[in-house]
């Protein structure tokens, strides 16, 4: 069955704005989605009137509003698996004092669907709904850890661009890192997505498949060999705990 065009446009707008921390102007939304402003405006007006998106009168940028948040929050509040993982992420942050994030693979991007903030006064800025290329993030390398070289090559396409001077864009090097994750090591991103930030991640498997990944990121000025080891220990312990719990949740849901 073909998608309903107007409905698809509404969802495209919401997904675009959800992935942006600063919002977009009408012209930017039109350019990103390849939609004429004349067709876009009545949809935007309706979404704003129903409080699903909000127009900042100073910047003239639209962003996600409270009604869209309520819809998403209702799903998260009723999802046992999500709440289970988020609770464990809270324990990780208590021990490591750094931000812990949850991501899933959406196409060739990591979609960030959960986070527990660091209690430190100086901390990394992130938001749920953010998207980043999989190949330069620890979460992404963990999420594709079961894929073959051919699958990863197809996923990359022509998208291997440098986000920082340290971003690895050689496919074989990326694949070698992914193989180490498949063999039980942690996925690592050192300055690849954001300079002066180090990130470690582990995949979460259920029924033999990677369904998500969790990570801990730390600014380099707080990084040390001892801190790295603490983060690795916490992530590996939480992976074992979560994968066991996820199996029980899935079994219960299938009864």
Foldseek 3Di string as FASTA:
>chain_A
DDDDVVVVLLVLQQLVQLQDPVAAALVVSCVVVVHDSVVVVVSVVVCCVVQQWHQDPVVNGIHGGDVVVVVVVVVCVPDPLNVVLQVLQVVLCVQLLFKKWKWFDDQQKTFTADIDHRPDPDYDDDDHSHIDGLLQDQFSLQNCLVPDLVVVCVSCPVPQDFQDPPADRDSVVSNVLSPVLNVPAWRWHACRNHHQKIKTKHFADEPRHGGMMMMTMDGNVPDDPVSVVSSRVSRSVVSVVSNVVVNVVVVVVVD
